């Protein structure tokens, strides 16, 4: 009986040690990756389209008429609205005057 309890106690200590190692590893890797600095002339915004119709890139001057130009490239899917059959994508890119 004592051997059985000893084995269970050792197994519990091993599991706790493994969990602590995994948590500290996750924390150190999360702090390693920081947000990138956004360039001064970089611009990003969300745009909504009918599902499946989002273009790979947009021309900034076609969206806004403020003297700037450049291409905004589709980066990541933000939301899918099943009710309205739309999807919202984040576009970003460099713009200039």
PDB file of N, CA and C in Angstrom:
ATOM      1  N   UNK A   1       0.822  -1.195   0.000  1.00  0.00           N
ATOM      2  CA  UNK A   1       0.000   0.000   0.000  1.00  0.00           C
ATOM      3  C   UNK A   1       0.869   1.263   0.000  1.00  0.00           C
ATOM      4  N   UNK A   2       1.978   1.231   0.787  1.00  0.00           N
ATOM      5  CA  UNK A   2       2.861   2.392   0.837  1.00  0.00           C
ATOM      6  C   UNK A   2       3.521   2.635  -0.518  1.00  0.00           C
ATOM      7  N   UNK A   3       3.881   1.544  -1.224  1.00  0.00           N
ATOM      8  CA  UNK A   3       4.493   1.692  -2.543  1.00  0.00           C
ATOM      9  C   UNK A   3       3.507   2.330  -3.517  1.00  0.00           C
ATOM     10  N   UNK A   4       2.247   1.913  -3.413  1.00  0.00           N
ATOM     11  CA  UNK A   4       1.211   2.447  -4.295  1.00  0.00           C
ATOM     12  C   UNK A   4       1.038   3.955  -4.071  1.00  0.00           C
ATOM     13  N   UNK A   5       0.961   4.387  -2.819  1.00  0.00           N
ATOM     14  CA  UNK A   5       0.822   5.811  -2.507  1.00  0.00           C
ATOM     15  C   UNK A   5       2.063   6.593  -2.935  1.00  0.00           C
ATOM     16  N   UNK A   6       3.239   5.972  -2.763  1.00  0.00           N
ATOM     17  CA  UNK A   6       4.482   6.620  -3.173  1.00  0.00           C
ATOM     18  C   UNK A   6       4.505   6.851  -4.687  1.00  0.00           C
ATOM     19  N   UNK A   7       4.056   5.857  -5.456  1.00  0.00           N
ATOM     20  CA  UNK A   7       4.016   5.980  -6.915  1.00  0.00           C
ATOM     21  C   UNK A   7       3.043   7.082  -7.330  1.00  0.00           C
ATOM     22  N   UNK A   8       1.889   7.147  -6.692  1.00  0.00           N
ATOM     23  CA  UNK A   8       0.898   8.190  -7.005  1.00  0.00           C
ATOM     24  C   UNK A   8       1.461   9.573  -6.674  1.00  0.00           C
ATOM     25  N   UNK A   9       2.157   9.686  -5.534  1.00  0.00           N
ATOM     26  CA  UNK A   9       2.735  10.966  -5.130  1.00  0.00           C
ATOM     27  C   UNK A   9       3.805  11.414  -6.135  1.00  0.00           C
ATOM     28  N   UNK A  10       4.646  10.510  -6.579  1.00  0.00           N
ATOM     29  CA  UNK A  10       5.680  10.839  -7.565  1.00  0.00           C
ATOM     30  C   UNK A  10       5.038  11.251  -8.891  1.00  0.00           C
ATOM     31  N   UNK A  11       3.975  10.548  -9.298  1.00  0.00           N
ATOM     32  CA  UNK A  11       3.285  10.882 -10.545  1.00  0.00           C
ATOM     33  C   UNK A  11       2.687  12.287 -10.468  1.00  0.00           C
ATOM     34  N   UNK A  12       2.093  12.628  -9.328  1.00  0.00           N
ATOM     35  CA  UNK A  12       1.514  13.969  -9.166  1.00  0.00           C
ATOM     36  C   UNK A  12       2.593  15.045  -9.236  1.00  0.00           C
ATOM     37  N   UNK A  13       3.727  14.821  -8.602  1.00  0.00           N
ATOM     38  CA  UNK A  13       4.817  15.794  -8.644  1.00  0.00           C
ATOM     39  C   UNK A  13       5.352  15.960 -10.060  1.00  0.00           C
ATOM     40  N   UNK A  14       5.402  14.873 -10.808  1.00  0.00           N
ATOM     41  CA  UNK A  14       5.874  14.939 -12.189  1.00  0.00           C
ATOM     42  C   UNK A  14       4.920  15.762 -13.045  1.00  0.00           C
ATOM     43  N   UNK A  15       3.619  15.541 -12.884  1.00  0.00           N
ATOM     44  CA  UNK A  15       2.616  16.279 -13.654  1.00  0.00           C
ATOM     45  C   UNK A  15       2.670  17.762 -13.317  1.00  0.00           C
ATOM     46  N   UNK A  16       2.779  18.100 -12.036  1.00  0.00           N
ATOM     47  CA  UNK A  16       2.838  19.505 -11.625  1.00  0.00           C
ATOM     48  C   UNK A  16       4.088  20.166 -12.191  1.00  0.00           C
ATOM     49  N   UNK A  17       5.218  19.470 -12.162  1.00  0.00           N
ATOM     50  CA  UNK A  17       6.453  20.020 -12.731  1.00  0.00           C
ATOM     51  C   UNK A  17       6.334  20.256 -14.221  1.00  0.00           C
ATOM     52  N   UNK A  18       5.683  19.347 -14.920  1.00  0.00           N
ATOM     53  CA  UNK A  18       5.494  19.490 -16.365  1.00  0.00           C
ATOM     54  C   UNK A  18       4.585  20.673 -16.679  1.00  0.00           C
ATOM     55  N   UNK A  19       3.517  20.835 -15.907  1.00  0.00           N
ATOM     56  CA  UNK A  19       2.594  21.959 -16.126  1.00  0.00           C
ATOM     57  C   UNK A  19       3.321  23.279 -15.902  1.00  0.00           C
ATOM     58  N   UNK A  20       4.107  23.372 -14.830  1.00  0.00           N
ATOM     59  CA  UNK A  20       4.847  24.612 -14.561  1.00  0.00           C
ATOM     60  C   UNK A  20       5.827  24.923 -15.683  1.00  0.00           C
ATOM     61  N   UNK A  21       6.501  23.912 -16.205  1.00  0.00           N
ATOM     62  CA  UNK A  21       7.461  24.129 -17.291  1.00  0.00           C
ATOM     63  C   UNK A  21       6.750  24.613 -18.550  1.00  0.00           C
ATOM     64  N   UNK A  22       5.586  24.032 -18.850  1.00  0.00           N
ATOM     65  CA  UNK A  22       4.845  24.441 -20.050  1.00  0.00           C
ATOM     66  C   UNK A  22       4.318  25.863 -19.923  1.00  0.00           C
ATOM     67  N   UNK A  23       3.841  26.225 -18.735  1.00  0.00           N
ATOM     68  CA  UNK A  23       3.313  27.577 -18.528  1.00  0.00           C
ATOM     69  C   UNK A  23       4.431  28.600 -18.655  1.00  0.00           C
ATOM     70  N   UNK A  24       5.581  28.329 -18.042  1.00  0.00           N
ATOM     71  CA  UNK A  24       6.672  29.302 -18.132  1.00  0.00           C
ATOM     72  C   UNK A  24       7.192  29.399 -19.559  1.00  0.00           C
ATOM     73  N   UNK A  25       7.179  28.296 -20.292  1.00  0.00           N
ATOM     74  CA  UNK A  25       7.605  28.322 -21.690  1.00  0.00           C
ATOM     75  C   UNK A  25       6.643  29.157 -22.526  1.00  0.00           C
ATOM     76  N   UNK A  26       5.343  29.006 -22.277  1.00  0.00           N
ATOM     77  CA  UNK A  26       4.342  29.775 -23.024  1.00  0.00           C
ATOM     78  C   UNK A  26       4.466  31.262 -22.724  1.00  0.00           C
ATOM     79  N   UNK A  27       4.714  31.600 -21.468  1.00  0.00           N
ATOM     80  CA  UNK A  27       4.838  33.010 -21.094  1.00  0.00           C
ATOM     81  C   UNK A  27       6.072  33.625 -21.734  1.00  0.00           C
ATOM     82  N   UNK A  28       7.191  32.892 -21.737  1.00  0.00           N
ATOM     83  CA  UNK A  28       8.409  33.459 -22.317  1.00  0.00           C
ATOM     84  C   UNK A  28       8.275  33.624 -23.826  1.00  0.00           C
ATOM     85  N   UNK A  29       7.598  32.684 -24.502  1.00  0.00           N
ATOM     86  CA  UNK A  29       7.442  32.832 -25.948  1.00  0.00           C
ATOM     87  C   UNK A  29       6.447  33.933 -26.281  1.00  0.00           C
ATOM     88  N   UNK A  30       5.439  34.137 -25.431  1.00  0.00           N
ATOM     89  CA  UNK A  30       4.476  35.209 -25.681  1.00  0.00           C
ATOM     90  C   UNK A  30       5.135  36.572 -25.511  1.00  0.00           C
ATOM     91  N   UNK A  31       6.028  36.703 -24.559  1.00  0.00           N
ATOM     92  CA  UNK A  31       6.676  37.995 -24.372  1.00  0.00           C
ATOM     93  C   UNK A  31       7.739  38.244 -25.433  1.00  0.00           C
ATOM     94  N   UNK A  32       8.223  37.185 -26.070  1.00  0.00           N
ATOM     95  CA  UNK A  32       9.236  37.333 -27.113  1.00  0.00           C
ATOM     96  C   UNK A  32       8.656  38.009 -28.347  1.00  0.00           C
ATOM     97  N   UNK A  33       7.425  37.647 -28.707  1.00  0.00           N
ATOM     98  CA  UNK A  33       6.786  38.221 -29.891  1.00  0.00           C
ATOM     99  C   UNK A  33       6.039  39.477 -29.492  1.00  0.00           C
ATOM    100  N   UNK A  34       6.520  40.607 -29.933  1.00  0.00           N
ATOM    101  CA  UNK A  34       5.874  41.876 -29.636  1.00  0.00           C
ATOM    102  C   UNK A  34       5.218  42.415 -30.898  1.00  0.00           C
ATOM    103  N   UNK A  35       4.366  43.401 -30.726  1.00  0.00           N
ATOM    104  CA  UNK A  35       3.736  44.030 -31.879  1.00  0.00           C
ATOM    105  C   UNK A  35       4.796  44.749 -32.703  1.00  0.00           C
ATOM    106  N   UNK A  36       4.643  44.661 -34.000  1.00  0.00           N
ATOM    107  CA  UNK A  36       5.586  45.336 -34.883  1.00  0.00           C
ATOM    108  C   UNK A  36       5.294  46.832 -34.908  1.00  0.00           C
ATOM    109  N   UNK A  37       6.326  47.611 -35.112  1.00  0.00           N
ATOM    110  CA  UNK A  37       6.135  49.048 -35.263  1.00  0.00           C
ATOM    111  C   UNK A  37       5.449  49.312 -36.598  1.00  0.00           C
ATOM    112  N   UNK A  38       4.436  50.152 -36.566  1.00  0.00           N
ATOM    113  CA  UNK A  38       3.728  50.505 -37.794  1.00  0.00           C
ATOM    114  C   UNK A  38       4.446  51.690 -38.421  1.00  0.00           C
ATOM    115  N   UNK A  39       4.729  51.568 -39.687  1.00  0.00           N
ATOM    116  CA  UNK A  39       5.409  52.648 -40.398  1.00  0.00           C
ATOM    117  C   UNK A  39       4.501  53.870 -40.488  1.00  0.00           C
ATOM    118  N   UNK A  40       5.099  55.014 -40.658  1.00  0.00           N
ATOM    119  CA  UNK A  40       4.345  56.264 -40.708  1.00  0.00           C
ATOM    120  C   UNK A  40       3.367  56.295 -41.876  1.00  0.00           C
ATOM    121  N   UNK A  41       3.757  55.728 -43.012  1.00  0.00           N
ATOM    122  CA  UNK A  41       2.904  55.789 -44.198  1.00  0.00           C
ATOM    123  C   UNK A  41       2.075  54.519 -44.387  1.00  0.00           C
ATOM    124  N   UNK A  42       2.014  53.672 -43.367  1.00  0.00           N
ATOM    125  CA  UNK A  42       1.212  52.453 -43.472  1.00  0.00           C
ATOM    126  C   UNK A  42      -0.201  52.732 -42.966  1.00  0.00           C
ATOM    127  N   UNK A  43      -1.175  52.132 -43.626  1.00  0.00           N
ATOM    128  CA  UNK A  43      -2.576  52.383 -43.301  1.00  0.00           C
ATOM    129  C   UNK A  43      -3.326  51.062 -43.311  1.00  0.00           C
ATOM    130  N   UNK A  44      -4.284  50.906 -42.403  1.00  0.00           N
ATOM    131  CA  UNK A  44      -5.095  49.699 -42.381  1.00  0.00           C
ATOM    132  C   UNK A  44      -6.516  49.991 -41.940  1.00  0.00           C
ATOM    133  N   UNK A  45      -7.452  49.217 -42.471  1.00  0.00           N
ATOM    134  CA  UNK A  45      -8.866  49.423 -42.139  1.00  0.00           C
ATOM    135  C   UNK A  45      -9.657  48.160 -42.466  1.00  0.00           C
ATOM    136  N   UNK A  46     -10.802  48.001 -41.796  1.00  0.00           N
ATOM    137  CA  UNK A  46     -11.705  46.886 -42.080  1.00  0.00           C
ATOM    138  C   UNK A  46     -12.680  47.274 -43.187  1.00  0.00           C
ATOM    139  N   UNK A  47     -12.933  46.330 -44.099  1.00  0.00           N
ATOM    140  CA  UNK A  47     -13.913  46.528 -45.168  1.00  0.00           C
ATOM    141  C   UNK A  47     -14.828  45.312 -45.223  1.00  0.00           C
ATOM    142  N   UNK A  48     -16.109  45.540 -45.493  1.00  0.00           N
ATOM    143  CA  UNK A  48     -17.105  44.469 -45.536  1.00  0.00           C
ATOM    144  C   UNK A  48     -17.557  44.238 -46.972  1.00  0.00           C
ATOM    145  N   UNK A  49     -17.642  42.960 -47.341  1.00  0.00           N
ATOM    146  CA  UNK A  49     -18.051  42.563 -48.690  1.00  0.00           C
ATOM    147  C   UNK A  49     -19.045  41.415 -48.601  1.00  0.00           C
ATOM    148  N   UNK A  50     -19.736  41.159 -49.703  1.00  0.00           N
ATOM    149  CA  UNK A  50     -20.566  39.960 -49.813  1.00  0.00           C
ATOM    150  C   UNK A  50     -19.632  38.762 -49.696  1.00  0.00           C
ATOM    151  N   UNK A  51     -20.090  37.714 -49.023  1.00  0.00           N
ATOM    152  CA  UNK A  51     -19.220  36.547 -48.799  1.00  0.00           C
ATOM    153  C   UNK A  51     -18.678  36.003 -50.111  1.00  0.00           C
ATOM    154  N   UNK A  52     -17.365  35.779 -50.126  1.00  0.00           N
ATOM    155  CA  UNK A  52     -16.702  35.225 -51.290  1.00  0.00           C
ATOM    156  C   UNK A  52     -16.342  36.239 -52.360  1.00  0.00           C
ATOM    157  N   UNK A  53     -16.663  37.504 -52.155  1.00  0.00           N
ATOM    158  CA  UNK A  53     -16.412  38.530 -53.175  1.00  0.00           C
ATOM    159  C   UNK A  53     -15.343  39.543 -52.756  1.00  0.00           C
ATOM    160  N   UNK A  54     -14.616  39.295 -51.678  1.00  0.00           N
ATOM    161  CA  UNK A  54     -13.596  40.238 -51.218  1.00  0.00           C
ATOM    162  C   UNK A  54     -12.382  40.189 -52.137  1.00  0.00           C
ATOM    163  N   UNK A  55     -11.968  41.333 -52.685  1.00  0.00           N
ATOM    164  CA  UNK A  55     -10.793  41.339 -53.573  1.00  0.00           C
ATOM    165  C   UNK A  55      -9.499  41.145 -52.777  1.00  0.00           C
ATOM    166  N   UNK A  56      -8.452  40.733 -53.462  1.00  0.00           N
ATOM    167  CA  UNK A  56      -7.156  40.523 -52.820  1.00  0.00           C
ATOM    168  C   UNK A  56      -6.547  41.860 -52.401  1.00  0.00           C
ATOM    169  N   UNK A  57      -6.769  42.905 -53.177  1.00  0.00           N
ATOM    170  CA  UNK A  57      -6.276  44.232 -52.803  1.00  0.00           C
ATOM    171  C   UNK A  57      -7.271  45.298 -53.252  1.00  0.00           C
ATOM    172  N   UNK A  58      -7.170  46.461 -52.625  1.00  0.00           N
ATOM    173  CA  UNK A  58      -7.974  47.632 -52.985  1.00  0.00           C
ATOM    174  C   UNK A  58      -7.032  48.775 -53.307  1.00  0.00           C
ATOM    175  N   UNK A  59      -7.426  49.625 -54.233  1.00  0.00           N
ATOM    176  CA  UNK A  59      -6.662  50.846 -54.472  1.00  0.00           C
ATOM    177  C   UNK A  59      -7.188  51.906 -53.512  1.00  0.00           C
ATOM    178  N   UNK A  60      -6.296  52.479 -52.730  1.00  0.00           N
ATOM    179  CA  UNK A  60      -6.693  53.471 -51.730  1.00  0.00           C
ATOM    180  C   UNK A  60      -7.424  54.641 -52.373  1.00  0.00           C
ATOM    181  N   UNK A  61      -6.938  55.083 -53.524  1.00  0.00           N
ATOM    182  CA  UNK A  61      -7.548  56.253 -54.176  1.00  0.00           C
ATOM    183  C   UNK A  61      -8.962  55.966 -54.677  1.00  0.00           C
ATOM    184  N   UNK A  62      -9.314  54.687 -54.876  1.00  0.00           N
ATOM    185  CA  UNK A  62     -10.684  54.345 -55.267  1.00  0.00           C
ATOM    186  C   UNK A  62     -11.643  54.426 -54.081  1.00  0.00           C
ATOM    187  N   UNK A  63     -11.111  54.268 -52.873  1.00  0.00           N
ATOM    188  CA  UNK A  63     -11.941  54.289 -51.668  1.00  0.00           C
ATOM    189  C   UNK A  63     -12.060  55.708 -51.120  1.00  0.00           C
ATOM    190  N   UNK A  64     -10.937  56.423 -51.069  1.00  0.00           N
ATOM    191  CA  UNK A  64     -10.915  57.783 -50.522  1.00  0.00           C
ATOM    192  C   UNK A  64     -10.338  58.743 -51.557  1.00  0.00           C
ATOM    193  N   UNK A  65     -10.828  59.964 -51.544  1.00  0.00           N
ATOM    194  CA  UNK A  65     -10.340  60.987 -52.474  1.00  0.00           C
ATOM    195  C   UNK A  65      -9.663  62.090 -51.666  1.00  0.00           C
ATOM    196  N   UNK A  66      -8.521  61.762 -51.047  1.00  0.00           N
ATOM    197  CA  UNK A  66      -7.834  62.733 -50.199  1.00  0.00           C
ATOM    198  C   UNK A  66      -6.397  63.011 -50.649  1.00  0.00           C
ATOM    199  N   UNK A  67      -6.064  62.636 -51.883  1.00  0.00           N
ATOM    200  CA  UNK A  67      -4.739  62.925 -52.408  1.00  0.00           C
ATOM    201  C   UNK A  67      -3.709  61.837 -52.184  1.00  0.00           C
ATOM    202  N   UNK A  68      -4.029  60.839 -51.384  1.00  0.00           N
ATOM    203  CA  UNK A  68      -3.100  59.736 -51.148  1.00  0.00           C
ATOM    204  C   UNK A  68      -3.384  58.603 -52.129  1.00  0.00           C
ATOM    205  N   UNK A  69      -2.364  57.786 -52.388  1.00  0.00           N
ATOM    206  CA  UNK A  69      -2.562  56.633 -53.260  1.00  0.00           C
ATOM    207  C   UNK A  69      -1.739  55.461 -52.733  1.00  0.00           C
ATOM    208  N   UNK A  70      -2.118  54.282 -53.154  1.00  0.00           N
ATOM    209  CA  UNK A  70      -1.425  53.065 -52.736  1.00  0.00           C
ATOM    210  C   UNK A  70      -2.378  51.888 -52.779  1.00  0.00           C
ATOM    211  N   UNK A  71      -1.852  50.702 -52.532  1.00  0.00           N
ATOM    212  CA  UNK A  71      -2.676  49.498 -52.520  1.00  0.00           C
ATOM    213  C   UNK A  71      -2.808  48.982 -51.097  1.00  0.00           C
ATOM    214  N   UNK A  72      -4.024  48.593 -50.745  1.00  0.00           N
ATOM    215  CA  UNK A  72      -4.292  47.962 -49.459  1.00  0.00           C
ATOM    216  C   UNK A  72      -4.540  46.482 -49.723  1.00  0.00           C
ATOM    217  N   UNK A  73      -3.724  45.621 -49.124  1.00  0.00           N
ATOM    218  CA  UNK A  73      -3.820  44.183 -49.364  1.00  0.00           C
ATOM    219  C   UNK A  73      -4.623  43.506 -48.262  1.00  0.00           C
ATOM    220  N   UNK A  74      -5.413  42.507 -48.653  1.00  0.00           N
ATOM    221  CA  UNK A  74      -6.225  41.742 -47.710  1.00  0.00           C
ATOM    222  C   UNK A  74      -5.292  40.971 -46.779  1.00  0.00           C
ATOM    223  N   UNK A  75      -5.469  41.159 -45.475  1.00  0.00           N
ATOM    224  CA  UNK A  75      -4.580  40.539 -44.499  1.00  0.00           C
ATOM    225  C   UNK A  75      -5.232  39.384 -43.745  1.00  0.00           C
ATOM    226  N   UNK A  76      -6.392  39.653 -43.115  1.00  0.00           N
ATOM    227  CA  UNK A  76      -7.020  38.591 -42.317  1.00  0.00           C
ATOM    228  C   UNK A  76      -8.528  38.797 -42.233  1.00  0.00           C
ATOM    229  N   UNK A  77      -9.218  37.687 -42.073  1.00  0.00           N
ATOM    230  CA  UNK A  77     -10.673  37.696 -41.935  1.00  0.00           C
ATOM    231  C   UNK A  77     -11.029  38.108 -40.514  1.00  0.00           C
ATOM    232  N   UNK A  78     -11.903  39.080 -40.372  1.00  0.00           N
ATOM    233  CA  UNK A  78     -12.303  39.566 -39.058  1.00  0.00           C
ATOM    234  C   UNK A  78     -13.604  38.898 -38.614  1.00  0.00           C
ATOM    235  N   UNK A  79     -14.679  39.017 -39.399  1.00  0.00           N
ATOM    236  CA  UNK A  79     -15.968  38.417 -39.031  1.00  0.00           C
ATOM    237  C   UNK A  79     -16.681  37.883 -40.263  1.00  0.00           C
ATOM    238  N   UNK A  80     -17.558  36.928 -40.007  1.00  0.00           N
ATOM    239  CA  UNK A  80     -18.479  36.429 -41.034  1.00  0.00           C
ATOM    240  C   UNK A  80     -19.884  36.623 -40.484  1.00  0.00           C
ATOM    241  N   UNK A  81     -20.707  37.363 -41.210  1.00  0.00           N
ATOM    242  CA  UNK A  81     -22.091  37.603 -40.813  1.00  0.00           C
ATOM    243  C   UNK A  81     -22.979  36.697 -41.661  1.00  0.00           C
ATOM    244  N   UNK A  82     -23.453  35.614 -41.059  1.00  0.00           N
ATOM    245  CA  UNK A  82     -24.261  34.637 -41.784  1.00  0.00           C
ATOM    246  C   UNK A  82     -25.636  35.208 -42.109  1.00  0.00           C
ATOM    247  N   UNK A  83     -26.167  36.052 -41.232  1.00  0.00           N
ATOM    248  CA  UNK A  83     -27.491  36.628 -41.446  1.00  0.00           C
ATOM    249  C   UNK A  83     -27.531  37.491 -42.702  1.00  0.00           C
ATOM    250  N   UNK A  84     -26.528  38.350 -42.864  1.00  0.00           N
ATOM    251  CA  UNK A  84     -26.490  39.260 -44.015  1.00  0.00           C
ATOM    252  C   UNK A  84     -25.628  38.742 -45.155  1.00  0.00           C
ATOM    253  N   UNK A  85     -25.056  37.552 -44.988  1.00  0.00           N
ATOM    254  CA  UNK A  85     -24.198  36.924 -45.999  1.00  0.00           C
ATOM    255  C   UNK A  85     -23.023  37.835 -46.379  1.00  0.00           C
ATOM    256  N   UNK A  86     -22.363  38.405 -45.353  1.00  0.00           N
ATOM    257  CA  UNK A  86     -21.207  39.272 -45.583  1.00  0.00           C
ATOM    258  C   UNK A  86     -20.018  38.786 -44.765  1.00  0.00           C
ATOM    259  N   UNK A  87     -18.844  39.272 -45.138  1.00  0.00           N
ATOM    260  CA  UNK A  87     -17.629  39.007 -44.371  1.00  0.00           C
ATOM    261  C   UNK A  87     -16.818  40.290 -44.303  1.00  0.00           C
ATOM    262  N   UNK A  88     -16.153  40.500 -43.180  1.00  0.00           N
ATOM    263  CA  UNK A  88     -15.337  41.686 -42.975  1.00  0.00           C
ATOM    264  C   UNK A  88     -13.874  41.273 -42.956  1.00  0.00           C
ATOM    265  N   UNK A  89     -13.069  41.946 -43.772  1.00  0.00           N
ATOM    266  CA  UNK A  89     -11.638  41.674 -43.881  1.00  0.00           C
ATOM    267  C   UNK A  89     -10.855  42.902 -43.464  1.00  0.00           C
ATOM    268  N   UNK A  90      -9.667  42.663 -42.903  1.00  0.00           N
ATOM    269  CA  UNK A  90      -8.740  43.753 -42.588  1.00  0.00           C
ATOM    270  C   UNK A  90      -7.772  43.904 -43.751  1.00  0.00           C
ATOM    271  N   UNK A  91      -7.689  45.108 -44.280  1.00  0.00           N
ATOM    272  CA  UNK A  91      -6.770  45.436 -45.371  1.00  0.00           C
ATOM    273  C   UNK A  91      -5.734  46.428 -44.846  1.00  0.00           C
ATOM    274  N   UNK A  92      -4.484  46.266 -45.277  1.00  0.00           N
ATOM    275  CA  UNK A  92      -3.462  47.244 -44.916  1.00  0.00           C
ATOM    276  C   UNK A  92      -2.431  47.356 -46.028  1.00  0.00           C
ATOM    277  N   UNK A  93      -1.702  48.456 -46.012  1.00  0.00           N
ATOM    278  CA  UNK A  93      -0.668  48.680 -47.010  1.00  0.00           C
ATOM    279  C   UNK A  93      -0.068  50.063 -46.863  1.00  0.00           C
ATOM    280  N   UNK A  94       0.897  50.351 -47.695  1.00  0.00           N
ATOM    281  CA  UNK A  94       1.562  51.647 -47.663  1.00  0.00           C
ATOM    282  C   UNK A  94       0.859  52.616 -48.602  1.00  0.00           C
ATOM    283  N   UNK A  95       0.682  53.839 -48.109  1.00  0.00           N
ATOM    284  CA  UNK A  95       0.078  54.887 -48.929  1.00  0.00           C
ATOM    285  C   UNK A  95       1.030  56.076 -48.972  1.00  0.00           C
ATOM    286  N   UNK A  96       0.915  56.872 -50.020  1.00  0.00           N
ATOM    287  CA  UNK A  96       1.768  58.058 -50.151  1.00  0.00           C
ATOM    288  C   UNK A  96       1.029  59.124 -50.947  1.00  0.00           C
ATOM    289  N   UNK A  97       1.530  60.349 -50.858  1.00  0.00           N
ATOM    290  CA  UNK A  97       0.916  61.458 -51.610  1.00  0.00           C
ATOM    291  C   UNK A  97       1.464  61.512 -52.996  1.00  0.00           C
TER     292      UNK A  97
END
